[in-house]
Protein backbone atom coordinates (compact mmCIF):
# COMPACT_ATOMS: atom_id res chain seq x y z
CA MET A 1 64.01 122.36 114.35
CA ALA A 2 65.89 124.64 111.99
CA SER A 3 65.47 128.38 112.41
CA LYS A 4 64.29 130.58 109.56
CA GLU A 5 67.85 131.93 109.24
CA GLU A 6 69.28 128.39 108.99
CA ILE A 7 66.68 127.42 106.39
CA ALA A 8 67.32 130.62 104.40
CA GLY A 9 71.06 129.98 104.50
CA LYS A 10 70.64 126.42 103.26
CA VAL A 11 68.23 127.46 100.49
CA VAL A 12 70.67 130.14 99.29
CA GLN A 13 73.53 127.62 99.42
CA VAL A 14 71.56 125.04 97.40
CA LEU A 15 70.49 127.69 94.88
CA ALA A 16 74.08 128.92 94.51
CA GLU A 17 75.25 125.36 93.80
CA THR A 18 72.38 124.59 91.43
CA LEU A 19 72.63 127.86 89.52
CA HIS A 20 76.44 128.20 89.68
CA ARG A 21 76.16 131.64 91.29
CA ASP A 22 77.81 133.43 94.18
CA GLU A 23 75.66 133.16 97.32
CA LYS A 24 76.00 136.94 97.78
CA THR A 25 74.01 137.48 94.56
CA ILE A 26 70.99 135.55 95.89
CA LEU A 27 68.57 137.53 98.03
CA LEU A 28 65.35 136.39 99.72
CA SER A 29 63.54 138.84 97.43
CA SER A 30 65.20 137.45 94.28
CA SER A 31 62.76 136.22 91.64
CA LEU A 32 63.64 132.65 90.70
CA ALA A 33 62.80 133.13 87.02
CA ASP A 34 63.64 136.80 86.42
CA ASP A 35 66.58 137.49 88.73
CA LEU A 36 68.13 134.03 88.98
CA GLU A 37 67.09 132.71 85.54
CA MET A 38 66.09 129.34 86.98
CA ASP A 39 64.55 126.92 84.51
CA SER A 40 62.39 123.90 85.33
CA PHE A 41 65.33 121.49 85.22
CA MET A 42 67.25 123.59 87.75
CA ALA A 43 64.13 123.86 89.91
CA ILE A 44 63.77 120.08 90.08
CA GLU A 45 67.47 119.67 90.87
CA MET A 46 67.10 122.22 93.69
CA LEU A 47 64.00 120.41 94.96
CA PHE A 48 65.86 117.08 95.15
CA GLN A 49 68.68 118.68 97.13
CA LEU A 50 66.28 120.30 99.59
CA GLU A 51 64.33 117.06 99.99
CA ASP A 52 67.57 115.21 100.78
CA GLN A 53 68.70 117.95 103.15
CA TYR A 54 65.50 117.98 105.20
CA GLY A 55 64.25 114.41 104.71
CA ILE A 56 60.90 115.53 103.32
CA GLU A 57 59.07 115.12 100.05
CA ILE A 58 58.07 118.28 98.18
CA PRO A 59 55.34 117.75 95.57
CA ASP A 60 56.46 118.67 92.04
CA GLU A 61 53.45 120.97 91.58
CA GLN A 62 54.72 123.00 94.54
CA ILE A 63 57.59 124.25 92.33
CA ARG A 64 55.13 126.38 90.36
CA ALA A 65 54.07 128.17 93.55
CA PHE A 66 57.62 129.33 94.23
CA THR A 67 58.30 132.70 92.63
CA THR A 68 60.94 134.08 95.01
CA VAL A 69 63.65 132.66 97.25
CA SER A 70 61.53 133.76 100.21
CA ASP A 71 58.65 131.53 99.01
CA ILE A 72 60.90 128.47 99.28
CA VAL A 73 62.12 129.46 102.74
CA GLN A 74 58.54 130.07 103.94
CA TYR A 75 57.35 126.73 102.56
CA LEU A 76 60.19 124.82 104.23
CA GLU A 77 59.68 126.67 107.51
CA ASN A 78 55.98 125.71 107.50
CA ARG A 79 56.67 122.08 106.54
CA LEU A 80 59.43 121.60 109.10
CA SER A 81 57.47 123.21 111.93
CA LYS A 82 54.73 120.59 111.48
CA GLY A 83 57.25 117.84 112.13
């Protein structure tokens, strides 16, 4: 199972690719909408990448629950720990 640090690293990497940003500018506390200016299209693109990466399905409505980078990491950590 992936550690929280590994998950956080992958989430930051996927966000950096999706948002065309430097990974160093993305913090766990970053707000997806306010700090990273993520729109719904970018959010769905990010979701697809994370689903592919971890071989899981993330419900579309879950996107609305994510407000910070940390929320995504926490969600993935919970999902992956359940197997």
